[in-house]
Amino acid sequence: MEVKRTWDLDFESATKHIKQAYEYAHETGTRHVLVTNGDDYILFDRLKGLSWESNLLGEWRLSDLREEDIKLIDRLRPERLRKPNLAELFQYLSEAFGKDATVQP
């Protein structure tokens, strides 16, 4: 988790903060990356894609929480973090190497 004082935190403006959080995650072998200022949250799954941009699971704001945001927050429950969803991992692999991927001989 990377916590920042920046009030205007979103995927588009937080590139520097996201890269810093990814460095920490890489050093520690952490799968999920969460960047927040306490109200705005941006969640990534490092196994989802081949770049941090494609790893984005979503973002939410606590002061403007919506129903679909609850599903993202639910991913952070300890039991979900300890036991990976294999179907989801295979889906990520399929998307990463799907129809747009080119195979080199």
N, C-alpha and C. Protein backbone atom coordinates (compact mmCIF):
# COMPACT_ATOMS: atom_id res chain seq x y z
N MET A 1 0.85 -1.17 0.00
CA MET A 1 0.00 0.00 0.00
C MET A 1 0.90 1.23 0.00
N GLU A 2 0.57 2.15 -0.85
CA GLU A 2 1.30 3.41 -0.94
C GLU A 2 0.31 4.51 -0.55
N VAL A 3 0.60 5.23 0.52
CA VAL A 3 -0.29 6.29 1.00
C VAL A 3 0.34 7.64 0.67
N LYS A 4 -0.46 8.52 0.07
CA LYS A 4 0.03 9.83 -0.35
C LYS A 4 -0.86 10.94 0.19
N ARG A 5 -0.27 12.12 0.34
CA ARG A 5 -1.03 13.28 0.82
C ARG A 5 -1.78 13.98 -0.30
N THR A 6 -1.51 13.62 -1.53
CA THR A 6 -2.12 14.27 -2.70
C THR A 6 -3.63 14.12 -2.66
N TRP A 7 -4.37 15.24 -2.76
CA TRP A 7 -5.82 15.18 -2.71
C TRP A 7 -6.42 14.77 -4.04
N ASP A 8 -5.81 15.14 -5.13
CA ASP A 8 -6.32 14.79 -6.45
C ASP A 8 -5.63 13.53 -6.93
N LEU A 9 -6.04 12.39 -6.41
CA LEU A 9 -5.39 11.13 -6.72
C LEU A 9 -6.31 10.29 -7.61
N ASP A 10 -5.87 10.02 -8.82
CA ASP A 10 -6.58 9.11 -9.70
C ASP A 10 -5.58 8.44 -10.63
N PHE A 11 -6.03 7.47 -11.39
CA PHE A 11 -5.15 6.67 -12.23
C PHE A 11 -4.35 7.55 -13.19
N GLU A 12 -4.97 8.56 -13.74
CA GLU A 12 -4.30 9.42 -14.72
C GLU A 12 -3.21 10.30 -14.12
N SER A 13 -3.41 10.79 -12.91
CA SER A 13 -2.47 11.74 -12.33
C SER A 13 -1.47 11.12 -11.35
N ALA A 14 -1.61 9.84 -11.07
CA ALA A 14 -0.81 9.23 -10.02
C ALA A 14 0.34 8.36 -10.54
N THR A 15 0.77 8.57 -11.75
CA THR A 15 1.80 7.72 -12.36
C THR A 15 3.03 7.58 -11.47
N LYS A 16 3.54 8.68 -10.95
CA LYS A 16 4.73 8.64 -10.11
C LYS A 16 4.50 7.79 -8.85
N HIS A 17 3.35 7.97 -8.22
CA HIS A 17 3.02 7.23 -7.00
C HIS A 17 2.82 5.74 -7.30
N ILE A 18 2.20 5.45 -8.43
CA ILE A 18 1.96 4.06 -8.82
C ILE A 18 3.29 3.36 -9.07
N LYS A 19 4.18 4.00 -9.78
CA LYS A 19 5.48 3.40 -10.05
C LYS A 19 6.26 3.14 -8.76
N GLN A 20 6.17 4.06 -7.82
CA GLN A 20 6.83 3.87 -6.54
C GLN A 20 6.25 2.67 -5.80
N ALA A 21 4.93 2.54 -5.80
CA ALA A 21 4.28 1.40 -5.14
C ALA A 21 4.66 0.10 -5.83
N TYR A 22 4.79 0.12 -7.15
CA TYR A 22 5.19 -1.09 -7.88
C TYR A 22 6.61 -1.51 -7.54
N GLU A 23 7.48 -0.55 -7.33
CA GLU A 23 8.84 -0.88 -6.92
C GLU A 23 8.84 -1.63 -5.59
N TYR A 24 8.07 -1.13 -4.62
CA TYR A 24 7.95 -1.79 -3.32
C TYR A 24 7.36 -3.19 -3.49
N ALA A 25 6.32 -3.30 -4.29
CA ALA A 25 5.66 -4.59 -4.50
C ALA A 25 6.62 -5.59 -5.15
N HIS A 26 7.40 -5.12 -6.09
CA HIS A 26 8.37 -6.00 -6.74
C HIS A 26 9.42 -6.49 -5.75
N GLU A 27 9.92 -5.59 -4.91
CA GLU A 27 10.94 -5.94 -3.92
C GLU A 27 10.43 -6.97 -2.91
N THR A 28 9.16 -6.88 -2.56
CA THR A 28 8.61 -7.76 -1.53
C THR A 28 7.83 -8.94 -2.10
N GLY A 29 7.62 -8.98 -3.42
CA GLY A 29 6.87 -10.06 -4.04
C GLY A 29 5.38 -9.97 -3.78
N THR A 30 4.89 -8.78 -3.59
CA THR A 30 3.47 -8.55 -3.29
C THR A 30 2.66 -8.54 -4.58
N ARG A 31 1.55 -9.25 -4.55
CA ARG A 31 0.71 -9.36 -5.75
C ARG A 31 -0.16 -8.12 -5.98
N HIS A 32 -0.83 -7.64 -4.95
CA HIS A 32 -1.75 -6.51 -5.09
C HIS A 32 -1.07 -5.21 -4.70
N VAL A 33 -1.38 -4.16 -5.44
CA VAL A 33 -0.85 -2.83 -5.17
C VAL A 33 -2.03 -1.90 -4.96
N LEU A 34 -1.98 -1.15 -3.87
CA LEU A 34 -3.04 -0.21 -3.53
C LEU A 34 -2.41 1.15 -3.28
N VAL A 35 -2.86 2.15 -4.04
CA VAL A 35 -2.38 3.52 -3.88
C VAL A 35 -3.57 4.33 -3.37
N THR A 36 -3.36 5.09 -2.29
CA THR A 36 -4.48 5.81 -1.67
C THR A 36 -4.02 7.11 -1.04
N ASN A 37 -4.98 8.01 -0.88
CA ASN A 37 -4.76 9.21 -0.07
C ASN A 37 -5.71 9.19 1.14
N GLY A 38 -6.36 8.05 1.37
CA GLY A 38 -7.30 7.90 2.46
C GLY A 38 -8.74 8.03 2.02
N ASP A 39 -8.99 8.67 0.90
CA ASP A 39 -10.34 8.79 0.33
C ASP A 39 -10.39 8.13 -1.04
N ASP A 40 -9.41 8.43 -1.88
CA ASP A 40 -9.32 7.82 -3.21
C ASP A 40 -8.43 6.59 -3.16
N TYR A 41 -8.87 5.52 -3.80
CA TYR A 41 -8.12 4.26 -3.82
C TYR A 41 -7.98 3.78 -5.25
N ILE A 42 -6.78 3.29 -5.60
CA ILE A 42 -6.52 2.70 -6.91
C ILE A 42 -5.93 1.32 -6.65
N LEU A 43 -6.56 0.27 -7.18
CA LEU A 43 -6.18 -1.11 -6.90
C LEU A 43 -5.66 -1.80 -8.16
N PHE A 44 -4.52 -2.48 -8.01
CA PHE A 44 -3.90 -3.22 -9.10
C PHE A 44 -3.67 -4.66 -8.68
N ASP A 45 -3.69 -5.56 -9.65
CA ASP A 45 -3.30 -6.95 -9.46
C ASP A 45 -2.14 -7.21 -10.40
N ARG A 46 -0.95 -7.41 -9.87
CA ARG A 46 0.25 -7.54 -10.69
C ARG A 46 0.24 -8.77 -11.58
N LEU A 47 -0.65 -9.72 -11.33
CA LEU A 47 -0.74 -10.92 -12.17
C LEU A 47 -1.74 -10.75 -13.30
N LYS A 48 -2.42 -9.63 -13.36
CA LYS A 48 -3.51 -9.44 -14.32
C LYS A 48 -3.01 -9.20 -15.74
N GLY A 49 -1.94 -8.50 -15.91
CA GLY A 49 -1.49 -8.16 -17.26
C GLY A 49 0.01 -8.07 -17.33
N LEU A 50 0.47 -7.53 -18.43
CA LEU A 50 1.90 -7.45 -18.67
C LEU A 50 2.49 -6.08 -18.38
N SER A 51 1.65 -5.13 -17.97
CA SER A 51 2.13 -3.79 -17.61
C SER A 51 1.28 -3.27 -16.45
N TRP A 52 1.78 -2.25 -15.76
CA TRP A 52 0.99 -1.75 -14.63
C TRP A 52 -0.32 -1.14 -15.11
N GLU A 53 -0.34 -0.60 -16.34
CA GLU A 53 -1.58 -0.04 -16.87
C GLU A 53 -2.64 -1.14 -17.04
N SER A 54 -2.20 -2.31 -17.51
CA SER A 54 -3.15 -3.41 -17.71
C SER A 54 -3.48 -4.13 -16.40
N ASN A 55 -2.75 -3.86 -15.34
CA ASN A 55 -2.99 -4.48 -14.04
C ASN A 55 -4.11 -3.79 -13.26
N LEU A 56 -4.59 -2.67 -13.74
CA LEU A 56 -5.61 -1.91 -13.02
C LEU A 56 -6.88 -2.74 -12.83
N LEU A 57 -7.29 -2.90 -11.59
CA LEU A 57 -8.57 -3.55 -11.28
C LEU A 57 -9.67 -2.52 -11.17
N GLY A 58 -9.34 -1.34 -10.66
CA GLY A 58 -10.33 -0.28 -10.53
C GLY A 58 -9.93 0.73 -9.49
N GLU A 59 -10.77 1.75 -9.37
CA GLU A 59 -10.55 2.79 -8.36
C GLU A 59 -11.88 3.18 -7.76
N TRP A 60 -11.83 3.67 -6.53
CA TRP A 60 -13.04 4.11 -5.85
C TRP A 60 -12.71 5.24 -4.90
N ARG A 61 -13.76 5.92 -4.46
CA ARG A 61 -13.64 7.03 -3.51
C ARG A 61 -14.58 6.74 -2.34
N LEU A 62 -14.03 6.70 -1.14
CA LEU A 62 -14.86 6.40 0.04
C LEU A 62 -15.96 7.42 0.24
N SER A 63 -15.68 8.69 -0.05
CA SER A 63 -16.70 9.72 0.15
C SER A 63 -17.78 9.70 -0.93
N ASP A 64 -17.62 8.85 -1.94
CA ASP A 64 -18.61 8.71 -3.01
C ASP A 64 -18.69 7.24 -3.42
N LEU A 65 -18.89 6.36 -2.45
CA LEU A 65 -18.87 4.93 -2.67
C LEU A 65 -20.12 4.47 -3.44
N ARG A 66 -19.90 3.60 -4.42
CA ARG A 66 -20.98 3.04 -5.22
C ARG A 66 -21.04 1.54 -5.02
N GLU A 67 -22.13 0.94 -5.44
CA GLU A 67 -22.33 -0.51 -5.28
C GLU A 67 -21.20 -1.31 -5.93
N GLU A 68 -20.79 -0.95 -7.13
CA GLU A 68 -19.74 -1.71 -7.82
C GLU A 68 -18.38 -1.58 -7.13
N ASP A 69 -18.19 -0.53 -6.34
CA ASP A 69 -16.94 -0.36 -5.60
C ASP A 69 -16.79 -1.41 -4.51
N ILE A 70 -17.89 -1.87 -3.97
CA ILE A 70 -17.86 -2.86 -2.89
C ILE A 70 -17.19 -4.14 -3.38
N LYS A 71 -17.38 -4.51 -4.65
CA LYS A 71 -16.76 -5.72 -5.20
C LYS A 71 -15.24 -5.59 -5.21
N LEU A 72 -14.75 -4.40 -5.53
CA LEU A 72 -13.29 -4.17 -5.51
C LEU A 72 -12.76 -4.25 -4.08
N ILE A 73 -13.45 -3.61 -3.16
CA ILE A 73 -13.03 -3.61 -1.76
C ILE A 73 -13.04 -5.04 -1.22
N ASP A 74 -14.01 -5.83 -1.63
CA ASP A 74 -14.12 -7.21 -1.18
C ASP A 74 -12.89 -8.04 -1.57
N ARG A 75 -12.21 -7.68 -2.64
CA ARG A 75 -11.01 -8.39 -3.07
C ARG A 75 -9.89 -8.28 -2.05
N LEU A 76 -9.97 -7.30 -1.17
CA LEU A 76 -8.91 -7.07 -0.19
C LEU A 76 -9.14 -7.82 1.12
N ARG A 77 -10.19 -8.60 1.20
CA ARG A 77 -10.42 -9.40 2.41
C ARG A 77 -9.27 -10.38 2.58
N PRO A 78 -8.77 -10.55 3.79
CA PRO A 78 -7.60 -11.41 4.02
C PRO A 78 -7.73 -12.81 3.42
N GLU A 79 -8.90 -13.43 3.56
CA GLU A 79 -9.05 -14.79 3.02
C GLU A 79 -8.97 -14.82 1.49
N ARG A 80 -9.35 -13.74 0.83
CA ARG A 80 -9.24 -13.68 -0.63
C ARG A 80 -7.80 -13.42 -1.05
N LEU A 81 -7.04 -12.71 -0.23
CA LEU A 81 -5.65 -12.44 -0.56
C LEU A 81 -4.76 -13.67 -0.33
N ARG A 82 -5.10 -14.48 0.66
CA ARG A 82 -4.30 -15.66 0.98
C ARG A 82 -4.51 -16.80 -0.01
N LYS A 83 -5.70 -16.94 -0.53
CA LYS A 83 -6.03 -18.06 -1.41
C LYS A 83 -6.43 -17.52 -2.79
N PRO A 84 -5.52 -17.60 -3.76
CA PRO A 84 -5.82 -17.03 -5.08
C PRO A 84 -6.95 -17.76 -5.80
N ASN A 85 -7.68 -17.02 -6.58
CA ASN A 85 -8.75 -17.56 -7.41
C ASN A 85 -8.12 -18.05 -8.71
N LEU A 86 -7.98 -19.36 -8.85
CA LEU A 86 -7.30 -19.93 -10.02
C LEU A 86 -8.04 -19.64 -11.32
N ALA A 87 -9.35 -19.64 -11.30
CA ALA A 87 -10.12 -19.33 -12.51
C ALA A 87 -9.80 -17.91 -12.99
N GLU A 88 -9.69 -17.00 -12.04
CA GLU A 88 -9.34 -15.63 -12.39
C GLU A 88 -7.93 -15.54 -12.97
N LEU A 89 -6.98 -16.26 -12.39
CA LEU A 89 -5.61 -16.25 -12.91
C LEU A 89 -5.55 -16.79 -14.33
N PHE A 90 -6.29 -17.88 -14.62
CA PHE A 90 -6.31 -18.42 -15.97
C PHE A 90 -6.98 -17.46 -16.95
N GLN A 91 -7.98 -16.74 -16.47
CA GLN A 91 -8.63 -15.74 -17.31
C GLN A 91 -7.62 -14.64 -17.66
N TYR A 92 -6.83 -14.18 -16.68
CA TYR A 92 -5.80 -13.17 -16.93
C TYR A 92 -4.81 -13.66 -17.98
N LEU A 93 -4.36 -14.92 -17.86
CA LEU A 93 -3.43 -15.47 -18.83
C LEU A 93 -4.05 -15.51 -20.22
N SER A 94 -5.28 -15.92 -20.29
CA SER A 94 -5.99 -15.98 -21.57
C SER A 94 -6.08 -14.61 -22.21
N GLU A 95 -6.40 -13.60 -21.41
CA GLU A 95 -6.50 -12.23 -21.94
C GLU A 95 -5.14 -11.70 -22.38
N ALA A 96 -4.09 -12.01 -21.62
CA ALA A 96 -2.75 -11.51 -21.93
C ALA A 96 -2.21 -12.14 -23.20
N PHE A 97 -2.54 -13.39 -23.44
CA PHE A 97 -2.00 -14.08 -24.61
C PHE A 97 -3.09 -14.45 -25.59
N GLY A 98 -4.18 -13.69 -25.56
CA GLY A 98 -5.34 -13.96 -26.41
C GLY A 98 -5.14 -13.55 -27.86
N LYS A 99 -6.21 -13.20 -28.49
CA LYS A 99 -6.24 -12.95 -29.93
C LYS A 99 -5.31 -11.84 -30.38
N ASP A 100 -5.00 -10.86 -29.51
CA ASP A 100 -4.15 -9.74 -29.90
C ASP A 100 -2.66 -10.06 -29.75
N ALA A 101 -2.34 -11.13 -29.08
CA ALA A 101 -0.93 -11.49 -28.85
C ALA A 101 -0.35 -12.14 -30.09
N THR A 102 0.87 -11.80 -30.39
CA THR A 102 1.54 -12.43 -31.53
C THR A 102 2.55 -13.43 -31.00
N VAL A 103 2.63 -14.57 -31.68
CA VAL A 103 3.54 -15.63 -31.26
C VAL A 103 4.77 -15.59 -32.15
N GLN A 104 5.92 -15.55 -31.51
CA GLN A 104 7.19 -15.54 -32.24
C GLN A 104 7.70 -16.97 -32.37
N PRO A 105 8.16 -17.39 -33.57
CA PRO A 105 8.69 -18.74 -33.72
C PRO A 105 10.00 -18.93 -33.00
